[in-house]
Amino acid sequence: MKSKYKILTLLILCLVSLASFIKPIETTNYKCLIQLTNYTGEGAYIVVSLLNNQEEYIKTLYIQGDDKEWYRDVEQWWKQLYGIKRPEIDAIVGETITGGQRKMTVLEVPIDKIDKDFKIRFESAVEDQKYYKDDVLFDLTSENLKSKIEGTGYIRYVRLLPQ
């Protein structure tokens, strides 16, 4: 009986030791202002994603729109990430906003991806209107994380500020 407890204790100690070597991914927060153009129609669904240099999805950073029924309208993200794998979304989900409005949120950006050939993409879609795969797409650089970046669709611009 004692040998079972010794083995169990040793196993627990090994697992705890291994866990101490796993380094959590460090992130830094950036305030993100999303200003929409003066379009007419329903609220915009916006997905902000971290991409590698081949523009493959790494992580969803933010979703604007809380009704999962409309996620498929954000076509590229749906096809490459959410619609296929259905991962647990750990991004903050906020309500949609309509034309001319703005939304302030916080993006958690992995520190080890900054200035390392990664990108951030803002995809946008509005019900029964056009979808913009690259409404905002930029290289994840220290300089871009402190700037205003113009959109090409429903997003007029995005402004990022270190928090």
Protein backbone atom coordinates (compact mmCIF):
# COMPACT_ATOMS: atom_id res chain seq x y z
CA MET A 1 0.00 0.00 0.00
CA LYS A 2 2.82 2.41 0.88
CA SER A 3 4.48 1.81 -2.50
CA LYS A 4 1.33 2.98 -4.30
CA TYR A 5 1.42 6.26 -2.36
CA LYS A 6 5.13 6.68 -3.08
CA ILE A 7 4.56 6.16 -6.80
CA LEU A 8 1.59 8.54 -6.79
CA THR A 9 3.58 11.15 -4.88
CA LEU A 10 6.52 10.78 -7.27
CA LEU A 11 4.19 11.10 -10.27
CA ILE A 12 2.62 14.28 -8.87
CA LEU A 13 6.06 15.78 -8.18
CA CYS A 14 7.13 15.00 -11.76
CA LEU A 15 4.03 16.65 -13.20
CA VAL A 16 4.50 19.75 -11.04
CA SER A 17 8.15 19.94 -12.07
CA LEU A 18 7.26 19.69 -15.76
CA ALA A 19 4.59 22.37 -15.41
CA SER A 20 7.15 24.76 -13.92
CA PHE A 21 9.19 24.58 -17.14
CA ILE A 22 6.24 25.57 -19.34
CA LYS A 23 6.49 29.29 -19.85
CA PRO A 24 3.16 31.08 -20.37
CA ILE A 25 2.89 33.27 -23.44
CA GLU A 26 3.49 36.85 -22.43
CA THR A 27 1.15 39.43 -23.89
CA THR A 28 0.94 43.17 -23.85
CA ASN A 29 -2.26 45.19 -24.07
CA TYR A 30 -3.04 47.77 -26.72
CA LYS A 31 -6.04 50.06 -26.72
CA CYS A 32 -7.75 49.71 -30.08
CA LEU A 33 -10.18 52.31 -31.42
CA ILE A 34 -12.26 51.07 -34.36
CA GLN A 35 -13.96 53.94 -36.23
CA LEU A 36 -16.52 52.86 -38.85
CA THR A 37 -17.42 54.66 -42.06
CA ASN A 38 -20.86 56.23 -42.47
CA TYR A 39 -22.49 53.24 -44.19
CA THR A 40 -26.17 52.33 -43.88
CA GLY A 41 -27.40 48.98 -42.69
CA GLU A 42 -27.00 46.56 -39.81
CA GLY A 43 -24.13 46.48 -37.34
CA ALA A 44 -20.73 45.35 -38.58
CA TYR A 45 -19.21 42.04 -37.54
CA ILE A 46 -15.47 42.47 -37.18
CA VAL A 47 -12.90 39.78 -36.45
CA VAL A 48 -9.34 40.73 -35.51
CA SER A 49 -6.83 37.92 -36.03
CA LEU A 50 -3.14 37.28 -35.63
CA LEU A 51 -1.64 35.78 -38.81
CA ASN A 52 1.74 34.36 -39.76
CA ASN A 53 3.71 35.66 -42.76
CA GLN A 54 1.73 33.37 -45.13
CA GLU A 55 -1.48 34.95 -43.72
CA GLU A 56 -2.53 31.74 -41.98
CA TYR A 57 -4.51 32.13 -38.78
CA ILE A 58 -2.69 31.83 -35.47
CA LYS A 59 -5.21 33.28 -33.05
CA THR A 60 -8.41 35.32 -32.85
CA LEU A 61 -7.71 38.51 -30.88
CA TYR A 62 -11.18 40.08 -30.91
CA ILE A 63 -14.68 39.56 -32.23
CA GLN A 64 -17.19 42.36 -32.56
CA GLY A 65 -20.60 40.75 -32.80
CA ASP A 66 -22.09 38.43 -30.26
CA ASP A 67 -24.50 36.38 -32.39
CA LYS A 68 -22.66 33.24 -33.55
CA GLU A 69 -25.29 32.75 -36.29
CA TRP A 70 -23.60 35.50 -38.35
CA TYR A 71 -19.96 34.44 -37.86
CA ARG A 72 -20.02 32.62 -41.21
CA ASP A 73 -20.39 36.02 -42.92
CA VAL A 74 -16.80 36.74 -41.93
CA GLU A 75 -15.84 34.31 -44.66
CA GLN A 76 -12.06 33.88 -44.53
CA TRP A 77 -11.90 33.54 -40.74
CA TRP A 78 -14.85 31.14 -40.82
CA LYS A 79 -13.31 28.95 -43.54
CA GLN A 80 -9.80 28.83 -42.12
CA LEU A 81 -10.40 28.78 -38.41
CA TYR A 82 -13.72 28.89 -36.67
CA GLY A 83 -16.04 27.10 -39.09
CA ILE A 84 -13.75 24.09 -39.43
CA LYS A 85 -12.18 23.65 -36.00
CA ARG A 86 -14.66 25.47 -33.76
CA PRO A 87 -11.99 26.35 -31.22
CA GLU A 88 -12.86 27.86 -27.89
CA ILE A 89 -12.80 31.58 -28.61
CA ASP A 90 -10.93 33.42 -25.90
CA ALA A 91 -11.18 36.80 -27.58
CA ILE A 92 -13.41 39.42 -26.07
CA VAL A 93 -16.75 39.41 -27.84
CA GLY A 94 -18.54 42.73 -28.09
CA GLU A 95 -21.76 43.98 -29.61
CA THR A 96 -21.83 45.20 -33.19
CA ILE A 97 -21.80 48.90 -33.95
CA THR A 98 -23.31 50.62 -36.98
CA GLY A 99 -22.12 53.15 -39.54
CA GLY A 100 -20.30 56.19 -38.18
CA GLN A 101 -19.91 54.75 -34.69
CA ARG A 102 -16.71 53.87 -32.90
CA LYS A 103 -15.70 51.19 -30.44
CA MET A 104 -12.81 51.10 -27.99
CA THR A 105 -11.48 47.70 -26.97
CA VAL A 106 -8.24 46.16 -25.75
CA LEU A 107 -6.20 43.70 -27.81
CA GLU A 108 -3.85 41.28 -26.04
CA VAL A 109 -0.88 40.94 -28.38
CA PRO A 110 1.71 38.19 -27.84
CA ILE A 111 5.03 39.95 -27.20
CA ASP A 112 7.06 37.25 -28.97
CA LYS A 113 5.20 37.96 -32.27
CA ILE A 114 5.96 41.71 -32.46
CA ASP A 115 8.58 42.62 -35.10
CA LYS A 116 8.80 38.95 -36.10
CA ASP A 117 7.02 38.80 -39.49
CA PHE A 118 3.45 38.40 -38.21
CA LYS A 119 0.35 40.38 -39.26
CA ILE A 120 -2.92 41.58 -37.81
CA ARG A 121 -6.07 41.42 -39.94
CA PHE A 122 -9.44 43.12 -39.36
CA GLU A 123 -12.14 41.39 -41.41
CA SER A 124 -15.57 42.99 -41.61
CA ALA A 125 -19.03 42.00 -42.78
CA VAL A 126 -22.49 43.52 -42.64
CA GLU A 127 -25.67 41.49 -43.12
CA ASP A 128 -26.83 41.48 -46.77
CA GLN A 129 -23.88 43.68 -47.80
CA LYS A 130 -20.28 43.23 -48.91
CA TYR A 131 -17.60 41.32 -46.98
CA TYR A 132 -14.06 42.77 -46.64
CA LYS A 133 -11.35 40.18 -46.04
CA ASP A 134 -8.60 42.78 -45.56
CA ASP A 135 -10.54 45.77 -44.28
CA VAL A 136 -7.37 46.50 -42.28
CA LEU A 137 -4.23 44.38 -42.66
CA PHE A 138 -0.85 45.41 -41.31
CA ASP A 139 2.50 44.01 -40.23
CA LEU A 140 2.75 43.46 -36.50
CA THR A 141 5.56 45.92 -35.82
CA SER A 142 6.27 48.18 -32.87
CA GLU A 143 5.75 51.18 -35.13
CA ASN A 144 2.36 50.02 -36.46
CA LEU A 145 1.18 49.30 -32.92
CA LYS A 146 1.44 53.03 -32.19
CA SER A 147 -0.28 54.34 -35.29
CA LYS A 148 -3.52 55.02 -37.10
CA ILE A 149 -4.24 52.63 -39.98
CA GLU A 150 -6.85 53.35 -42.65
CA GLY A 151 -9.50 50.76 -43.53
CA THR A 152 -10.76 49.78 -46.97
CA GLY A 153 -14.34 48.74 -46.18
CA TYR A 154 -16.64 49.44 -43.25
CA ILE A 155 -13.70 50.48 -41.08
CA ARG A 156 -12.64 54.10 -41.61
CA TYR A 157 -9.54 53.60 -39.46
CA VAL A 158 -8.06 51.73 -36.54
CA ARG A 159 -5.91 53.51 -33.96
CA LEU A 160 -3.69 51.50 -31.63
CA LEU A 161 -2.07 52.79 -28.45
CA PRO A 162 0.09 50.95 -25.91
CA GLN A 163 -1.77 50.63 -22.64
